[in-house]
Amino acid sequence: MERPEFEINIGKNGKVTVEVKGTSGKRCLELADLIKEILGHEEKRTLTAEYYAPDSKVRINTKVNRN
């Protein structure tokens, strides 16, 4: 089961940076949007390599041919 985490840093100047870890793709953006709603403002968004990784869900289809 996916266990995403947020790394939240607040600088001395009050600037907040958030990094979503433990998930990828569309789900990563959904979680980032959740934090944006809580904070009320987003200055900049940077997509990491995790965003471009395939989703963690695996689907396996099998077909047996009996001739």
PDB file of N, CA and C in Angstrom:
ATOM      1  N   MET A   1       0.834  -1.182   0.000  1.00  0.00           N
ATOM      2  CA  MET A   1       0.000   0.000   0.000  1.00  0.00           C
ATOM      3  C   MET A   1       0.883   1.252   0.000  1.00  0.00           C
ATOM      4  N   GLU A   2       0.471   2.234  -0.738  1.00  0.00           N
ATOM      5  CA  GLU A   2       1.199   3.486  -0.866  1.00  0.00           C
ATOM      6  C   GLU A   2       1.171   4.269   0.448  1.00  0.00           C
ATOM      7  N   ARG A   3       2.326   4.795   0.854  1.00  0.00           N
ATOM      8  CA  ARG A   3       2.410   5.609   2.069  1.00  0.00           C
ATOM      9  C   ARG A   3       3.144   6.900   1.734  1.00  0.00           C
ATOM     10  N   PRO A   4       2.452   7.843   1.116  1.00  0.00           N
ATOM     11  CA  PRO A   4       3.111   9.096   0.760  1.00  0.00           C
ATOM     12  C   PRO A   4       3.486   9.893   2.005  1.00  0.00           C
ATOM     13  N   GLU A   5       4.538  10.687   1.860  1.00  0.00           N
ATOM     14  CA  GLU A   5       4.998  11.559   2.940  1.00  0.00           C
ATOM     15  C   GLU A   5       5.215  12.949   2.383  1.00  0.00           C
ATOM     16  N   PHE A   6       5.100  13.932   3.261  1.00  0.00           N
ATOM     17  CA  PHE A   6       5.363  15.322   2.898  1.00  0.00           C
ATOM     18  C   PHE A   6       6.578  15.793   3.668  1.00  0.00           C
ATOM     19  N   GLU A   7       7.546  16.364   2.957  1.00  0.00           N
ATOM     20  CA  GLU A   7       8.677  17.010   3.611  1.00  0.00           C
ATOM     21  C   GLU A   7       8.411  18.512   3.532  1.00  0.00           C
ATOM     22  N   ILE A   8       8.142  19.121   4.682  1.00  0.00           N
ATOM     23  CA  ILE A   8       7.760  20.526   4.737  1.00  0.00           C
ATOM     24  C   ILE A   8       8.850  21.305   5.465  1.00  0.00           C
ATOM     25  N   ASN A   9       9.379  22.324   4.805  1.00  0.00           N
ATOM     26  CA  ASN A   9      10.403  23.185   5.400  1.00  0.00           C
ATOM     27  C   ASN A   9       9.907  24.615   5.415  1.00  0.00           C
ATOM     28  N   ILE A  10      10.105  25.287   6.543  1.00  0.00           N
ATOM     29  CA  ILE A  10       9.742  26.700   6.673  1.00  0.00           C
ATOM     30  C   ILE A  10      11.031  27.471   6.937  1.00  0.00           C
ATOM     31  N   GLY A  11      11.378  28.332   5.994  1.00  0.00           N
ATOM     32  CA  GLY A  11      12.607  29.112   6.112  1.00  0.00           C
ATOM     33  C   GLY A  11      12.459  30.265   7.087  1.00  0.00           C
ATOM     34  N   LYS A  12      13.574  30.867   7.448  1.00  0.00           N
ATOM     35  CA  LYS A  12      13.569  32.014   8.366  1.00  0.00           C
ATOM     36  C   LYS A  12      12.773  33.190   7.801  1.00  0.00           C
ATOM     37  N   ASN A  13      12.700  33.260   6.475  1.00  0.00           N
ATOM     38  CA  ASN A  13      11.941  34.330   5.820  1.00  0.00           C
ATOM     39  C   ASN A  13      10.452  33.997   5.694  1.00  0.00           C
ATOM     40  N   GLY A  14      10.052  32.822   6.215  1.00  0.00           N
ATOM     41  CA  GLY A  14       8.651  32.419   6.166  1.00  0.00           C
ATOM     42  C   GLY A  14       8.272  31.638   4.913  1.00  0.00           C
ATOM     43  N   LYS A  15       9.224  31.474   3.989  1.00  0.00           N
ATOM     44  CA  LYS A  15       8.943  30.735   2.761  1.00  0.00           C
ATOM     45  C   LYS A  15       8.808  29.248   3.077  1.00  0.00           C
ATOM     46  N   VAL A  16       7.734  28.648   2.576  1.00  0.00           N
ATOM     47  CA  VAL A  16       7.445  27.240   2.824  1.00  0.00           C
ATOM     48  C   VAL A  16       7.741  26.444   1.561  1.00  0.00           C
ATOM     49  N   THR A  17       8.491  25.350   1.700  1.00  0.00           N
ATOM     50  CA  THR A  17       8.692  24.435   0.590  1.00  0.00           C
ATOM     51  C   THR A  17       8.168  23.069   1.011  1.00  0.00           C
ATOM     52  N   VAL A  18       7.505  22.403   0.069  1.00  0.00           N
ATOM     53  CA  VAL A  18       6.903  21.100   0.334  1.00  0.00           C
ATOM     54  C   VAL A  18       7.353  20.137  -0.754  1.00  0.00           C
ATOM     55  N   GLU A  19       7.789  18.955  -0.334  1.00  0.00           N
ATOM     56  CA  GLU A  19       8.142  17.904  -1.288  1.00  0.00           C
ATOM     57  C   GLU A  19       7.311  16.673  -0.953  1.00  0.00           C
ATOM     58  N   VAL A  20       6.634  16.146  -1.970  1.00  0.00           N
ATOM     59  CA  VAL A  20       5.823  14.944  -1.803  1.00  0.00           C
ATOM     60  C   VAL A  20       6.705  13.750  -2.137  1.00  0.00           C
ATOM     61  N   LYS A  21       6.747  12.775  -1.229  1.00  0.00           N
ATOM     62  CA  LYS A  21       7.571  11.581  -1.431  1.00  0.00           C
ATOM     63  C   LYS A  21       6.710  10.336  -1.280  1.00  0.00           C
ATOM     64  N   GLY A  22       7.122   9.268  -1.949  1.00  0.00           N
ATOM     65  CA  GLY A  22       6.447   7.985  -1.780  1.00  0.00           C
ATOM     66  C   GLY A  22       5.309   7.736  -2.735  1.00  0.00           C
ATOM     67  N   THR A  23       5.160   8.593  -3.737  1.00  0.00           N
ATOM     68  CA  THR A  23       4.130   8.393  -4.749  1.00  0.00           C
ATOM     69  C   THR A  23       4.619   9.015  -6.045  1.00  0.00           C
ATOM     70  N   SER A  24       3.917   8.774  -7.138  1.00  0.00           N
ATOM     71  CA  SER A  24       4.362   9.308  -8.419  1.00  0.00           C
ATOM     72  C   SER A  24       3.168   9.684  -9.284  1.00  0.00           C
ATOM     73  N   GLY A  25       3.475  10.370 -10.369  1.00  0.00           N
ATOM     74  CA  GLY A  25       2.475  10.704 -11.374  1.00  0.00           C
ATOM     75  C   GLY A  25       1.335  11.568 -10.870  1.00  0.00           C
ATOM     76  N   LYS A  26       0.146  11.259 -11.357  1.00  0.00           N
ATOM     77  CA  LYS A  26      -1.050  12.054 -11.067  1.00  0.00           C
ATOM     78  C   LYS A  26      -1.321  12.147  -9.567  1.00  0.00           C
ATOM     79  N   ARG A  27      -1.107  11.065  -8.837  1.00  0.00           N
ATOM     80  CA  ARG A  27      -1.360  11.062  -7.394  1.00  0.00           C
ATOM     81  C   ARG A  27      -0.465  12.076  -6.679  1.00  0.00           C
ATOM     82  N   CYS A  28       0.754  12.227  -7.140  1.00  0.00           N
ATOM     83  CA  CYS A  28       1.688  13.194  -6.568  1.00  0.00           C
ATOM     84  C   CYS A  28       1.116  14.614  -6.684  1.00  0.00           C
ATOM     85  N   LEU A  29       0.576  14.938  -7.851  1.00  0.00           N
ATOM     86  CA  LEU A  29      -0.009  16.269  -8.054  1.00  0.00           C
ATOM     87  C   LEU A  29      -1.250  16.479  -7.195  1.00  0.00           C
ATOM     88  N   GLU A  30      -2.064  15.441  -7.037  1.00  0.00           N
ATOM     89  CA  GLU A  30      -3.255  15.544  -6.189  1.00  0.00           C
ATOM     90  C   GLU A  30      -2.867  15.886  -4.757  1.00  0.00           C
ATOM     91  N   LEU A  31      -1.823  15.242  -4.250  1.00  0.00           N
ATOM     92  CA  LEU A  31      -1.367  15.517  -2.887  1.00  0.00           C
ATOM     93  C   LEU A  31      -0.763  16.913  -2.781  1.00  0.00           C
ATOM     94  N   ALA A  32      -0.024  17.336  -3.798  1.00  0.00           N
ATOM     95  CA  ALA A  32       0.543  18.686  -3.801  1.00  0.00           C
ATOM     96  C   ALA A  32      -0.575  19.727  -3.818  1.00  0.00           C
ATOM     97  N   ASP A  33      -1.631  19.460  -4.562  1.00  0.00           N
ATOM     98  CA  ASP A  33      -2.772  20.387  -4.601  1.00  0.00           C
ATOM     99  C   ASP A  33      -3.451  20.484  -3.232  1.00  0.00           C
ATOM    100  N   LEU A  34      -3.485  19.380  -2.510  1.00  0.00           N
ATOM    101  CA  LEU A  34      -4.053  19.380  -1.159  1.00  0.00           C
ATOM    102  C   LEU A  34      -3.276  20.341  -0.253  1.00  0.00           C
ATOM    103  N   ILE A  35      -1.960  20.268  -0.303  1.00  0.00           N
ATOM    104  CA  ILE A  35      -1.126  21.166   0.508  1.00  0.00           C
ATOM    105  C   ILE A  35      -1.319  22.611   0.061  1.00  0.00           C
ATOM    106  N   LYS A  36      -1.443  22.824  -1.242  1.00  0.00           N
ATOM    107  CA  LYS A  36      -1.665  24.181  -1.765  1.00  0.00           C
ATOM    108  C   LYS A  36      -2.965  24.765  -1.211  1.00  0.00           C
ATOM    109  N   GLU A  37      -4.004  23.945  -1.135  1.00  0.00           N
ATOM    110  CA  GLU A  37      -5.278  24.407  -0.572  1.00  0.00           C
ATOM    111  C   GLU A  37      -5.126  24.797   0.895  1.00  0.00           C
ATOM    112  N   ILE A  38      -4.346  24.022   1.635  1.00  0.00           N
ATOM    113  CA  ILE A  38      -4.140  24.312   3.055  1.00  0.00           C
ATOM    114  C   ILE A  38      -3.358  25.611   3.227  1.00  0.00           C
ATOM    115  N   LEU A  39      -2.299  25.794   2.424  1.00  0.00           N
ATOM    116  CA  LEU A  39      -1.468  26.990   2.543  1.00  0.00           C
ATOM    117  C   LEU A  39      -2.116  28.220   1.923  1.00  0.00           C
ATOM    118  N   GLY A  40      -2.938  27.998   0.905  1.00  0.00           N
ATOM    119  CA  GLY A  40      -3.650  29.104   0.283  1.00  0.00           C
ATOM    120  C   GLY A  40      -2.911  29.814  -0.833  1.00  0.00           C
ATOM    121  N   HIS A  41      -1.668  29.429  -1.099  1.00  0.00           N
ATOM    122  CA  HIS A  41      -0.896  30.115  -2.137  1.00  0.00           C
ATOM    123  C   HIS A  41       0.227  29.203  -2.616  1.00  0.00           C
ATOM    124  N   GLU A  42       0.506  29.262  -3.906  1.00  0.00           N
ATOM    125  CA  GLU A  42       1.636  28.524  -4.461  1.00  0.00           C
ATOM    126  C   GLU A  42       2.420  29.471  -5.338  1.00  0.00           C
ATOM    127  N   GLU A  43       3.679  29.644  -5.006  1.00  0.00           N
ATOM    128  CA  GLU A  43       4.542  30.536  -5.763  1.00  0.00           C
ATOM    129  C   GLU A  43       5.131  29.850  -6.988  1.00  0.00           C
ATOM    130  N   LYS A  44       5.542  28.591  -6.800  1.00  0.00           N
ATOM    131  CA  LYS A  44       6.217  27.870  -7.874  1.00  0.00           C
ATOM    132  C   LYS A  44       6.059  26.371  -7.641  1.00  0.00           C
ATOM    133  N   ARG A  45       5.987  25.587  -8.734  1.00  0.00           N
ATOM    134  CA  ARG A  45       5.907  24.124  -8.637  1.00  0.00           C
ATOM    135  C   ARG A  45       6.992  23.528  -9.528  1.00  0.00           C
ATOM    136  N   THR A  46       7.765  22.617  -8.958  1.00  0.00           N
ATOM    137  CA  THR A  46       8.814  21.926  -9.683  1.00  0.00           C
ATOM    138  C   THR A  46       8.521  20.441  -9.646  1.00  0.00           C
ATOM    139  N   LEU A  47       8.460  19.807 -10.810  1.00  0.00           N
ATOM    140  CA  LEU A  47       8.197  18.375 -10.881  1.00  0.00           C
ATOM    141  C   LEU A  47       9.520  17.618 -10.783  1.00  0.00           C
ATOM    142  N   THR A  48       9.559  16.600  -9.921  1.00  0.00           N
ATOM    143  CA  THR A  48      10.765  15.800  -9.728  1.00  0.00           C
ATOM    144  C   THR A  48      10.704  14.542 -10.588  1.00  0.00           C
ATOM    145  N   ALA A  49      11.770  13.761 -10.552  1.00  0.00           N
ATOM    146  CA  ALA A  49      11.825  12.508 -11.308  1.00  0.00           C
ATOM    147  C   ALA A  49      10.728  11.552 -10.856  1.00  0.00           C
ATOM    148  N   GLU A  50      10.352  11.593  -9.569  1.00  0.00           N
ATOM    149  CA  GLU A  50       9.286  10.721  -9.077  1.00  0.00           C
ATOM    150  C   GLU A  50       7.967  10.977  -9.806  1.00  0.00           C
ATOM    151  N   TYR A  51       7.711  12.220 -10.175  1.00  0.00           N
ATOM    152  CA  TYR A  51       6.476  12.537 -10.888  1.00  0.00           C
ATOM    153  C   TYR A  51       6.413  11.764 -12.213  1.00  0.00           C
ATOM    154  N   TYR A  52       7.538  11.668 -12.898  1.00  0.00           N
ATOM    155  CA  TYR A  52       7.570  11.035 -14.207  1.00  0.00           C
ATOM    156  C   TYR A  52       7.667   9.508 -14.139  1.00  0.00           C
ATOM    157  N   ALA A  53       7.883   8.960 -12.956  1.00  0.00           N
ATOM    158  CA  ALA A  53       7.953   7.504 -12.793  1.00  0.00           C
ATOM    159  C   ALA A  53       6.569   6.902 -13.032  1.00  0.00           C
ATOM    160  N   PRO A  54       6.524   5.660 -13.480  1.00  0.00           N
ATOM    161  CA  PRO A  54       5.215   5.023 -13.678  1.00  0.00           C
ATOM    162  C   PRO A  54       4.457   4.916 -12.361  1.00  0.00           C
ATOM    163  N   ASP A  55       3.137   4.948 -12.450  1.00  0.00           N
ATOM    164  CA  ASP A  55       2.320   4.777 -11.253  1.00  0.00           C
ATOM    165  C   ASP A  55       2.662   3.460 -10.592  1.00  0.00           C
ATOM    166  N   SER A  56       2.493   3.415  -9.281  1.00  0.00           N
ATOM    167  CA  SER A  56       2.893   2.240  -8.523  1.00  0.00           C
ATOM    168  C   SER A  56       1.943   1.060  -8.694  1.00  0.00           C
ATOM    169  N   LYS A  57       0.816   1.270  -9.337  1.00  0.00           N
ATOM    170  CA  LYS A  57      -0.131   0.172  -9.548  1.00  0.00           C
ATOM    171  C   LYS A  57       0.364  -0.730 -10.662  1.00  0.00           C
ATOM    172  N   VAL A  58       0.263  -2.010 -10.460  1.00  0.00           N
ATOM    173  CA  VAL A  58       0.687  -2.986 -11.458  1.00  0.00           C
ATOM    174  C   VAL A  58      -0.536  -3.785 -11.882  1.00  0.00           C
ATOM    175  N   ARG A  59      -0.690  -3.938 -13.166  1.00  0.00           N
ATOM    176  CA  ARG A  59      -1.803  -4.717 -13.685  1.00  0.00           C
ATOM    177  C   ARG A  59      -1.238  -5.819 -14.557  1.00  0.00           C
ATOM    178  N   ILE A  60      -1.634  -7.034 -14.273  1.00  0.00           N
ATOM    179  CA  ILE A  60      -1.134  -8.174 -15.023  1.00  0.00           C
ATOM    180  C   ILE A  60      -2.322  -8.880 -15.666  1.00  0.00           C
ATOM    181  N   ASN A  61      -2.264  -9.040 -16.969  1.00  0.00           N
ATOM    182  CA  ASN A  61      -3.284  -9.780 -17.696  1.00  0.00           C
ATOM    183  C   ASN A  61      -2.654 -11.062 -18.202  1.00  0.00           C
ATOM    184  N   THR A  62      -3.335 -12.144 -18.025  1.00  0.00           N
ATOM    185  CA  THR A  62      -2.827 -13.423 -18.525  1.00  0.00           C
ATOM    186  C   THR A  62      -3.865 -14.069 -19.428  1.00  0.00           C
ATOM    187  N   LYS A  63      -3.393 -14.790 -20.391  1.00  0.00           N
ATOM    188  CA  LYS A  63      -4.277 -15.488 -21.299  1.00  0.00           C
ATOM    189  C   LYS A  63      -3.649 -16.841 -21.589  1.00  0.00           C
ATOM    190  N   VAL A  64      -4.390 -17.890 -21.444  1.00  0.00           N
ATOM    191  CA  VAL A  64      -3.888 -19.236 -21.686  1.00  0.00           C
ATOM    192  C   VAL A  64      -4.486 -19.734 -22.989  1.00  0.00           C
ATOM    193  N   ASN A  65      -3.623 -20.137 -23.899  1.00  0.00           N
ATOM    194  CA  ASN A  65      -4.055 -20.717 -25.166  1.00  0.00           C
ATOM    195  C   ASN A  65      -3.889 -22.232 -25.077  1.00  0.00           C
ATOM    196  N   ARG A  66      -4.977 -22.944 -25.277  1.00  0.00           N
ATOM    197  CA  ARG A  66      -4.900 -24.409 -25.282  1.00  0.00           C
ATOM    198  C   ARG A  66      -5.315 -24.891 -26.652  1.00  0.00           C
ATOM    199  N   ASN A  67      -4.363 -25.366 -27.373  1.00  0.00           N
ATOM    200  CA  ASN A  67      -4.617 -25.834 -28.743  1.00  0.00           C
ATOM    201  C   ASN A  67      -4.813 -27.307 -28.792  1.00  0.00           C
TER     202      ASN A  67
END
